[in-house]
């Protein structure tokens, strides 16, 4: 019996892997990395519908509940951050809520929230101390069970200003 083997070049395998990585849901085990640049990129356009479904008993030490799946991002906030806000807009079918939880508190462990936001209230960078955090985008606690939908997330991309000189007369 003759067999043939076909070799797949590593570059093709890596390209396929990279492409399929974008199609996977962003969960606690595999969050999307979000590090805004001075230009305000990247924006995130996705849906919460395919996200983390094991959100536990709630968020912010049970101050909020998550009736639907959550899209999970991970971001490191450092002293040299280049943005002041992260704004959201949601689509039809649900009311968007965003929770910022320290990575050390766990993604879906009902840990304390550093701050919260929604489609009308952007996350304020100044409210978040330096560190690594999960940003959890989900349905608001007053939505129906299973509520989910599309969202857009973008930073304002402001460049920090450093004082070059100061004179008092």
N, C-alpha and C. Protein backbone atom coordinates (compact mmCIF):
# COMPACT_ATOMS: atom_id res chain seq x y z
N UNK A 1 0.84 -1.16 0.00
CA UNK A 1 0.00 0.00 0.00
C UNK A 1 0.89 1.23 0.00
N UNK A 2 0.66 2.09 -0.95
CA UNK A 2 1.43 3.32 -1.04
C UNK A 2 0.68 4.44 -0.34
N UNK A 3 1.42 5.23 0.39
CA UNK A 3 0.82 6.39 1.03
C UNK A 3 1.61 7.62 0.64
N UNK A 4 0.95 8.71 0.65
CA UNK A 4 1.60 9.99 0.37
C UNK A 4 1.43 10.89 1.58
N UNK A 5 2.46 11.59 1.87
CA UNK A 5 2.31 12.59 2.92
C UNK A 5 2.55 13.95 2.29
N UNK A 6 1.76 14.87 2.73
CA UNK A 6 1.89 16.23 2.24
C UNK A 6 2.37 17.11 3.37
N UNK A 7 3.44 17.79 3.14
CA UNK A 7 3.96 18.71 4.15
C UNK A 7 3.28 20.06 4.03
N UNK A 8 2.93 20.62 5.14
CA UNK A 8 2.36 21.96 5.16
C UNK A 8 3.44 22.88 5.71
N UNK A 9 3.82 23.86 4.91
CA UNK A 9 4.85 24.79 5.40
C UNK A 9 4.40 25.45 6.71
N UNK A 10 5.35 25.69 7.57
CA UNK A 10 5.06 26.29 8.88
C UNK A 10 4.35 27.63 8.74
N UNK A 11 4.73 28.42 7.71
CA UNK A 11 4.11 29.73 7.54
C UNK A 11 2.61 29.60 7.24
N UNK A 12 2.22 28.57 6.49
CA UNK A 12 0.80 28.35 6.20
C UNK A 12 0.08 27.94 7.48
N UNK A 13 0.68 27.04 8.24
CA UNK A 13 0.08 26.61 9.50
C UNK A 13 -0.10 27.79 10.45
N UNK A 14 0.90 28.65 10.57
CA UNK A 14 0.80 29.81 11.45
C UNK A 14 -0.27 30.79 10.97
N UNK A 15 -0.38 30.97 9.65
CA UNK A 15 -1.39 31.87 9.11
C UNK A 15 -2.79 31.34 9.40
N UNK A 16 -2.99 30.04 9.24
CA UNK A 16 -4.28 29.43 9.53
C UNK A 16 -4.58 29.56 11.01
N UNK A 17 -3.60 29.31 11.86
CA UNK A 17 -3.80 29.41 13.30
C UNK A 17 -4.16 30.83 13.70
N UNK A 18 -3.49 31.81 13.12
CA UNK A 18 -3.77 33.21 13.45
C UNK A 18 -5.18 33.58 13.03
N UNK A 19 -5.60 33.11 11.84
CA UNK A 19 -6.93 33.43 11.37
C UNK A 19 -8.01 32.81 12.25
N UNK A 20 -7.83 31.57 12.62
CA UNK A 20 -8.85 30.90 13.42
C UNK A 20 -8.86 31.44 14.83
N UNK A 21 -7.77 32.02 15.31
CA UNK A 21 -7.75 32.60 16.65
C UNK A 21 -8.74 33.74 16.79
N UNK A 22 -8.97 34.50 15.72
CA UNK A 22 -9.90 35.60 15.79
C UNK A 22 -11.35 35.13 15.85
N UNK A 23 -11.60 33.92 15.37
CA UNK A 23 -12.97 33.42 15.35
C UNK A 23 -13.39 32.81 16.68
N UNK A 24 -12.44 32.61 17.59
CA UNK A 24 -12.76 31.99 18.86
C UNK A 24 -13.36 33.01 19.82
N UNK A 25 -14.22 32.52 20.66
CA UNK A 25 -14.83 33.39 21.67
C UNK A 25 -13.76 33.86 22.66
N UNK A 26 -13.93 35.06 23.16
CA UNK A 26 -13.01 35.61 24.15
C UNK A 26 -13.57 35.31 25.53
N UNK A 27 -12.90 34.41 26.23
CA UNK A 27 -13.38 33.92 27.51
C UNK A 27 -12.36 34.20 28.60
N UNK A 28 -12.69 33.82 29.82
CA UNK A 28 -11.75 33.98 30.94
C UNK A 28 -10.46 33.21 30.68
N UNK A 29 -10.58 32.03 30.10
CA UNK A 29 -9.39 31.22 29.82
C UNK A 29 -8.58 31.77 28.65
N UNK A 30 -9.23 32.53 27.77
CA UNK A 30 -8.57 33.05 26.58
C UNK A 30 -9.06 34.47 26.28
N UNK A 31 -8.69 35.45 27.12
CA UNK A 31 -9.17 36.82 26.90
C UNK A 31 -8.46 37.48 25.73
N UNK A 32 -9.14 38.44 25.11
CA UNK A 32 -8.50 39.24 24.06
C UNK A 32 -7.65 40.31 24.74
N UNK A 33 -6.44 40.50 24.26
CA UNK A 33 -5.56 41.54 24.80
C UNK A 33 -5.98 42.88 24.21
N UNK A 34 -6.11 43.88 25.06
CA UNK A 34 -6.50 45.22 24.63
C UNK A 34 -5.52 46.22 25.22
N UNK A 35 -4.65 46.77 24.39
CA UNK A 35 -3.68 47.78 24.81
C UNK A 35 -3.78 48.98 23.88
N UNK A 36 -4.54 50.01 24.24
CA UNK A 36 -4.72 51.17 23.37
C UNK A 36 -3.41 51.89 23.07
N UNK A 37 -3.29 52.40 21.85
CA UNK A 37 -2.13 53.16 21.42
C UNK A 37 -2.46 54.65 21.45
N UNK A 38 -1.46 55.52 21.25
CA UNK A 38 -1.74 56.97 21.17
C UNK A 38 -2.71 57.31 20.05
N UNK A 39 -2.79 56.48 19.01
CA UNK A 39 -3.71 56.73 17.90
C UNK A 39 -5.14 56.30 18.21
N UNK A 40 -5.36 55.67 19.36
CA UNK A 40 -6.70 55.23 19.72
C UNK A 40 -7.06 53.86 19.16
N UNK A 41 -6.06 53.11 18.75
CA UNK A 41 -6.31 51.77 18.23
C UNK A 41 -5.79 50.76 19.24
N UNK A 42 -6.28 49.58 19.28
CA UNK A 42 -7.29 49.04 18.38
C UNK A 42 -8.69 49.33 18.90
N UNK A 43 -9.63 49.35 17.98
CA UNK A 43 -11.03 49.32 18.39
C UNK A 43 -11.43 47.85 18.43
N UNK A 44 -12.42 47.54 19.20
CA UNK A 44 -12.91 46.17 19.27
C UNK A 44 -14.37 46.20 18.84
N UNK A 45 -14.67 45.48 17.78
CA UNK A 45 -16.04 45.33 17.30
C UNK A 45 -16.34 43.84 17.32
N UNK A 46 -17.28 43.44 18.15
CA UNK A 46 -17.55 42.01 18.30
C UNK A 46 -18.93 41.83 18.89
N UNK A 47 -19.17 40.67 19.46
CA UNK A 47 -20.45 40.36 20.10
C UNK A 47 -20.20 39.67 21.43
N UNK A 48 -21.08 39.88 22.36
CA UNK A 48 -20.98 39.17 23.63
C UNK A 48 -21.61 37.78 23.53
N UNK A 49 -22.37 37.53 22.47
CA UNK A 49 -23.17 36.29 22.36
C UNK A 49 -22.34 35.00 22.38
N UNK A 50 -21.12 35.04 21.93
CA UNK A 50 -20.29 33.83 21.90
C UNK A 50 -19.26 33.80 23.01
N UNK A 51 -19.40 34.65 24.01
CA UNK A 51 -18.40 34.79 25.05
C UNK A 51 -18.56 33.84 26.22
N UNK A 52 -17.93 34.21 27.30
CA UNK A 52 -17.90 33.42 28.53
C UNK A 52 -19.32 33.25 29.07
N UNK A 53 -19.71 32.01 29.32
CA UNK A 53 -21.06 31.76 29.84
C UNK A 53 -21.04 31.39 31.32
N UNK A 54 -19.86 31.16 31.88
CA UNK A 54 -19.74 30.78 33.29
C UNK A 54 -19.35 32.02 34.09
N UNK A 55 -20.28 32.95 34.22
CA UNK A 55 -19.96 34.22 34.87
C UNK A 55 -20.18 34.19 36.38
N UNK A 56 -20.51 33.07 36.94
CA UNK A 56 -20.64 32.97 38.39
C UNK A 56 -21.88 33.68 38.90
N UNK A 57 -21.84 34.07 40.15
CA UNK A 57 -23.00 34.68 40.80
C UNK A 57 -23.13 36.16 40.57
N UNK A 58 -22.18 36.79 39.93
CA UNK A 58 -22.30 38.21 39.69
C UNK A 58 -20.95 38.88 39.59
N UNK A 59 -20.98 40.20 39.67
CA UNK A 59 -19.78 41.02 39.57
C UNK A 59 -19.74 42.03 40.70
N UNK A 60 -18.58 42.53 40.93
CA UNK A 60 -18.39 43.62 41.89
C UNK A 60 -18.91 43.22 43.26
N UNK A 61 -18.55 42.03 43.69
CA UNK A 61 -18.97 41.49 44.98
C UNK A 61 -20.49 41.49 45.10
N UNK A 62 -21.12 40.96 44.08
CA UNK A 62 -22.57 40.78 43.97
C UNK A 62 -23.37 42.07 43.83
N UNK A 63 -22.70 43.18 43.51
CA UNK A 63 -23.43 44.42 43.26
C UNK A 63 -24.19 44.36 41.94
N UNK A 64 -23.67 43.57 40.97
CA UNK A 64 -24.29 43.44 39.65
C UNK A 64 -24.36 41.98 39.27
N UNK A 65 -25.33 41.65 38.44
CA UNK A 65 -25.49 40.31 37.93
C UNK A 65 -25.22 40.34 36.42
N UNK A 66 -24.91 39.22 35.83
CA UNK A 66 -24.68 39.13 34.39
C UNK A 66 -25.62 38.08 33.82
N UNK A 67 -26.75 38.51 33.27
CA UNK A 67 -27.71 37.53 32.76
C UNK A 67 -27.29 36.87 31.46
N UNK A 68 -26.35 37.47 30.74
CA UNK A 68 -25.92 36.93 29.45
C UNK A 68 -24.44 36.62 29.43
N UNK A 69 -23.95 36.07 28.32
CA UNK A 69 -22.53 35.77 28.19
C UNK A 69 -21.70 37.06 28.17
N UNK A 70 -20.41 36.93 28.49
CA UNK A 70 -19.52 38.08 28.54
C UNK A 70 -18.35 37.94 27.60
N UNK A 71 -17.97 39.03 26.94
CA UNK A 71 -16.77 39.11 26.12
C UNK A 71 -15.65 39.58 27.04
N UNK A 72 -14.57 38.83 27.14
CA UNK A 72 -13.52 39.10 28.12
C UNK A 72 -12.28 39.65 27.43
N UNK A 73 -11.80 40.79 27.93
CA UNK A 73 -10.56 41.39 27.46
C UNK A 73 -9.61 41.49 28.64
N UNK A 74 -8.33 41.58 28.33
CA UNK A 74 -7.32 41.76 29.38
C UNK A 74 -6.46 42.95 28.98
N UNK A 75 -6.19 43.84 29.93
CA UNK A 75 -5.41 45.03 29.65
C UNK A 75 -4.51 45.35 30.84
N UNK A 76 -3.33 45.83 30.54
CA UNK A 76 -2.41 46.29 31.59
C UNK A 76 -2.41 47.81 31.58
N UNK A 77 -2.75 48.38 32.71
CA UNK A 77 -2.76 49.83 32.87
C UNK A 77 -1.45 50.21 33.55
N UNK A 78 -0.68 51.08 32.89
CA UNK A 78 0.64 51.46 33.38
C UNK A 78 0.73 52.98 33.47
N UNK A 79 1.77 53.50 34.16
CA UNK A 79 1.89 54.96 34.32
C UNK A 79 1.95 55.71 32.98
N UNK A 80 2.45 55.06 31.95
CA UNK A 80 2.59 55.73 30.65
C UNK A 80 1.40 55.49 29.73
N UNK A 81 0.23 55.21 30.28
CA UNK A 81 -0.93 54.94 29.42
C UNK A 81 -1.24 56.15 28.55
N UNK A 82 -1.75 55.86 27.37
CA UNK A 82 -1.92 56.89 26.35
C UNK A 82 -3.38 57.19 26.05
N UNK A 83 -4.25 57.00 27.02
CA UNK A 83 -5.67 57.26 26.81
C UNK A 83 -6.30 57.66 28.14
N UNK A 84 -7.39 58.40 28.06
CA UNK A 84 -8.09 58.82 29.27
C UNK A 84 -9.39 58.05 29.47
N UNK A 85 -10.01 57.61 28.37
CA UNK A 85 -11.29 56.91 28.46
C UNK A 85 -11.36 55.72 27.50
N UNK A 86 -12.23 54.78 27.84
CA UNK A 86 -12.61 53.69 26.94
C UNK A 86 -14.12 53.77 26.84
N UNK A 87 -14.61 54.04 25.62
CA UNK A 87 -16.04 54.21 25.39
C UNK A 87 -16.64 52.98 24.72
N UNK A 88 -17.91 52.75 24.96
CA UNK A 88 -18.63 51.60 24.44
C UNK A 88 -19.90 52.04 23.74
N UNK A 89 -20.30 51.29 22.75
CA UNK A 89 -21.65 51.40 22.22
C UNK A 89 -22.13 49.98 21.98
N UNK A 90 -23.39 49.76 22.23
CA UNK A 90 -23.97 48.42 22.11
C UNK A 90 -25.02 48.38 21.02
N UNK A 91 -25.34 47.20 20.60
CA UNK A 91 -26.35 47.03 19.57
C UNK A 91 -27.69 46.71 20.17
N UNK A 92 -28.56 46.23 19.33
CA UNK A 92 -29.90 45.89 19.80
C UNK A 92 -29.88 44.53 20.50
N UNK A 93 -30.86 44.31 21.34
CA UNK A 93 -31.01 43.02 22.00
C UNK A 93 -30.55 42.98 23.44
N UNK A 94 -29.85 44.02 23.89
CA UNK A 94 -29.38 44.02 25.28
C UNK A 94 -28.87 45.41 25.65
N UNK A 95 -28.68 45.63 26.94
CA UNK A 95 -28.09 46.86 27.45
C UNK A 95 -26.68 46.54 27.90
N UNK A 96 -25.70 47.15 27.28
CA UNK A 96 -24.29 46.86 27.54
C UNK A 96 -23.86 47.32 28.93
N UNK A 97 -23.06 46.49 29.58
CA UNK A 97 -22.42 46.85 30.84
C UNK A 97 -20.97 46.40 30.75
N UNK A 98 -20.07 47.15 31.35
CA UNK A 98 -18.65 46.80 31.36
C UNK A 98 -18.13 46.86 32.80
N UNK A 99 -17.41 45.83 33.18
CA UNK A 99 -16.86 45.72 34.53
C UNK A 99 -15.36 45.56 34.44
N UNK A 100 -14.60 46.28 35.25
CA UNK A 100 -13.15 46.18 35.29
C UNK A 100 -12.77 45.51 36.61
N UNK A 101 -12.16 44.33 36.49
CA UNK A 101 -11.83 43.50 37.65
C UNK A 101 -10.33 43.22 37.62
N UNK A 102 -9.65 43.41 38.74
CA UNK A 102 -8.21 43.10 38.81
C UNK A 102 -7.98 41.63 38.48
N UNK A 103 -6.96 41.37 37.68
CA UNK A 103 -6.65 39.99 37.30
C UNK A 103 -6.47 39.12 38.54
N UNK A 104 -5.88 39.68 39.58
CA UNK A 104 -5.64 38.93 40.82
C UNK A 104 -6.95 38.48 41.47
N UNK A 105 -8.07 39.20 41.22
CA UNK A 105 -9.36 38.83 41.79
C UNK A 105 -10.06 37.73 41.00
N UNK A 106 -9.55 37.41 39.82
CA UNK A 106 -10.16 36.38 38.99
C UNK A 106 -11.21 36.96 38.05
N UNK A 107 -11.35 36.31 36.94
CA UNK A 107 -12.24 36.79 35.88
C UNK A 107 -13.70 36.61 36.22
N UNK A 108 -14.07 35.45 36.70
CA UNK A 108 -15.49 35.18 36.95
C UNK A 108 -15.71 34.73 38.40
N UNK A 109 -14.96 35.32 39.30
CA UNK A 109 -15.01 34.91 40.71
C UNK A 109 -15.75 35.90 41.60
N UNK A 110 -16.50 36.85 40.99
CA UNK A 110 -17.26 37.83 41.74
C UNK A 110 -16.37 38.70 42.62
N UNK A 111 -15.17 39.00 42.13
CA UNK A 111 -14.25 39.85 42.86
C UNK A 111 -14.68 41.31 42.81
N UNK A 112 -14.01 42.11 43.58
CA UNK A 112 -14.29 43.54 43.61
C UNK A 112 -14.01 44.17 42.26
N UNK A 113 -14.86 45.08 41.83
CA UNK A 113 -14.64 45.81 40.59
C UNK A 113 -13.85 47.08 40.89
N UNK A 114 -12.96 47.42 39.99
CA UNK A 114 -12.25 48.68 40.11
C UNK A 114 -13.14 49.83 39.66
N UNK A 115 -13.85 49.61 38.56
CA UNK A 115 -14.79 50.59 38.04
C UNK A 115 -15.76 49.88 37.11
N UNK A 116 -16.80 50.59 36.71
CA UNK A 116 -17.79 50.05 35.78
C UNK A 116 -18.09 51.10 34.72
N UNK A 117 -18.72 50.66 33.64
CA UNK A 117 -19.13 51.57 32.58
C UNK A 117 -20.29 50.96 31.82
N UNK A 118 -20.80 51.74 30.86
CA UNK A 118 -21.86 51.23 29.99
C UNK A 118 -21.85 52.06 28.71
N UNK A 119 -22.89 51.94 27.90
CA UNK A 119 -22.91 52.64 26.62
C UNK A 119 -23.01 54.16 26.78
N UNK A 120 -23.38 54.64 27.95
CA UNK A 120 -23.47 56.08 28.18
C UNK A 120 -22.38 56.60 29.10
N UNK A 121 -21.65 55.70 29.75
CA UNK A 121 -20.62 56.09 30.72
C UNK A 121 -19.31 55.39 30.40
N UNK A 122 -18.35 56.10 29.78
CA UNK A 122 -17.07 55.46 29.46
C UNK A 122 -16.28 55.10 30.72
N UNK A 123 -15.40 54.12 30.58
CA UNK A 123 -14.46 53.81 31.66
C UNK A 123 -13.44 54.94 31.71
N UNK A 124 -13.13 55.42 32.89
CA UNK A 124 -12.15 56.48 33.07
C UNK A 124 -10.81 55.88 33.45
N UNK A 125 -9.79 56.12 32.66
CA UNK A 125 -8.47 55.57 32.92
C UNK A 125 -7.94 55.97 34.29
N UNK A 126 -8.26 57.18 34.72
CA UNK A 126 -7.80 57.66 36.01
C UNK A 126 -8.42 56.93 37.19
N UNK A 127 -9.53 56.20 36.97
CA UNK A 127 -10.17 55.42 38.03
C UNK A 127 -9.53 54.05 38.21
N UNK A 128 -8.54 53.73 37.39
CA UNK A 128 -7.96 52.39 37.38
C UNK A 128 -6.48 52.48 37.75
N UNK A 129 -6.10 52.02 38.93
CA UNK A 129 -4.68 52.04 39.30
C UNK A 129 -3.86 51.14 38.37
N UNK A 130 -2.56 51.38 38.35
CA UNK A 130 -1.67 50.56 37.52
C UNK A 130 -1.83 49.09 37.89
N UNK A 131 -1.85 48.24 36.89
CA UNK A 131 -1.97 46.80 37.09
C UNK A 131 -2.63 46.14 35.90
N UNK A 132 -2.84 44.84 35.99
CA UNK A 132 -3.47 44.08 34.92
C UNK A 132 -4.91 43.75 35.32
N UNK A 133 -5.82 43.99 34.39
CA UNK A 133 -7.25 43.88 34.65
C UNK A 133 -7.96 43.10 33.55
N UNK A 134 -9.10 42.53 33.93
CA UNK A 134 -10.05 42.01 32.96
C UNK A 134 -11.08 43.11 32.72
N UNK A 135 -11.42 43.32 31.46
CA UNK A 135 -12.54 44.19 31.11
C UNK A 135 -13.62 43.24 30.58
N UNK A 136 -14.72 43.18 31.28
CA UNK A 136 -15.78 42.23 30.97
C UNK A 136 -16.96 43.00 30.39
N UNK A 137 -17.28 42.72 29.13
CA UNK A 137 -18.40 43.36 28.45
C UNK A 137 -19.53 42.34 28.40
N UNK A 138 -20.68 42.70 28.95
CA UNK A 138 -21.81 41.77 29.07
C UNK A 138 -23.11 42.55 29.07
N UNK A 139 -24.20 41.86 29.33
CA UNK A 139 -25.51 42.51 29.45
C UNK A 139 -25.67 43.08 30.85
N UNK A 140 -26.42 44.16 30.95
CA UNK A 140 -26.69 44.78 32.25
C UNK A 140 -27.53 43.85 33.11
N UNK A 141 -27.40 44.02 34.40
CA UNK A 141 -28.07 43.09 35.33
C UNK A 141 -29.59 43.10 35.25
N UNK A 142 -30.19 44.12 34.65
CA UNK A 142 -31.65 44.16 34.54
C UNK A 142 -32.16 43.55 33.23
N UNK A 143 -31.25 43.09 32.36
CA UNK A 143 -31.65 42.46 31.11
C UNK A 143 -32.18 41.04 31.34
N UNK A 144 -32.85 40.50 30.33
CA UNK A 144 -33.39 39.15 30.39
C UNK A 144 -32.28 38.11 30.36
N UNK A 145 -32.56 36.94 30.89
CA UNK A 145 -31.60 35.83 30.87
C UNK A 145 -31.17 35.56 29.43
N UNK A 146 -29.87 35.42 29.23
CA UNK A 146 -29.31 35.12 27.91
C UNK A 146 -29.11 36.34 27.02
N UNK A 147 -29.43 37.54 27.52
CA UNK A 147 -29.30 38.75 26.70
C UNK A 147 -27.87 38.95 26.24
N UNK A 148 -27.71 39.28 24.96
CA UNK A 148 -26.38 39.50 24.38
C UNK A 148 -26.54 40.29 23.09
N UNK A 149 -25.43 40.71 22.53
CA UNK A 149 -25.48 41.42 21.27
C UNK A 149 -24.14 42.03 20.90
N UNK A 150 -24.12 42.79 19.80
CA UNK A 150 -22.88 43.39 19.32
C UNK A 150 -22.46 44.58 20.18
N UNK A 151 -21.17 44.91 20.09
CA UNK A 151 -20.67 46.11 20.77
C UNK A 151 -19.46 46.66 20.04
N UNK A 152 -19.17 47.92 20.31
CA UNK A 152 -17.98 48.60 19.82
C UNK A 152 -17.28 49.19 21.04
N UNK A 153 -15.97 49.02 21.12
CA UNK A 153 -15.17 49.53 22.24
C UNK A 153 -13.98 50.28 21.66
N UNK A 154 -13.76 51.51 22.12
CA UNK A 154 -12.67 52.32 21.58
C UNK A 154 -12.11 53.25 22.67
N UNK A 155 -10.79 53.45 22.63
CA UNK A 155 -10.18 54.42 23.55
C UNK A 155 -10.09 55.76 22.84
N UNK A 156 -9.92 56.84 23.62
CA UNK A 156 -9.85 58.15 22.99
C UNK A 156 -8.46 58.46 22.44
N UNK A 157 -7.46 57.67 22.78
CA UNK A 157 -6.14 57.82 22.16
C UNK A 157 -5.43 59.12 22.41
N UNK A 158 -5.65 59.76 23.54
CA UNK A 158 -4.95 61.00 23.82
C UNK A 158 -3.51 60.71 24.20
N UNK A 159 -2.61 61.55 23.75
CA UNK A 159 -1.19 61.38 24.04
C UNK A 159 -0.87 62.12 25.34
N UNK A 160 -0.15 61.51 26.25
CA UNK A 160 0.19 62.21 27.50
C UNK A 160 1.10 63.41 27.23
N UNK A 161 0.96 64.42 28.06
CA UNK A 161 1.77 65.62 27.92
C UNK A 161 2.75 65.68 29.09
N UNK A 162 4.00 65.99 28.78
CA UNK A 162 5.02 66.13 29.80
C UNK A 162 5.44 67.59 29.86
N UNK A 163 5.48 68.15 31.06
CA UNK A 163 5.90 69.52 31.21
C UNK A 163 7.38 69.65 30.87
N UNK A 164 7.69 70.59 29.99
CA UNK A 164 9.08 70.80 29.55
C UNK A 164 9.77 71.91 30.34
N UNK A 165 9.03 72.92 30.74
CA UNK A 165 9.62 73.98 31.55
C UNK A 165 8.53 74.68 32.34
N UNK A 166 8.94 75.33 33.41
CA UNK A 166 7.99 76.01 34.28
C UNK A 166 8.70 77.23 34.87
N UNK A 167 8.05 78.37 34.78
CA UNK A 167 8.65 79.60 35.30
C UNK A 167 7.64 80.34 36.16
N UNK A 168 8.11 80.80 37.34
CA UNK A 168 7.28 81.62 38.22
C UNK A 168 7.95 82.97 38.33
N UNK A 169 7.20 84.02 38.07
CA UNK A 169 7.76 85.37 38.16
C UNK A 169 7.06 86.19 39.19
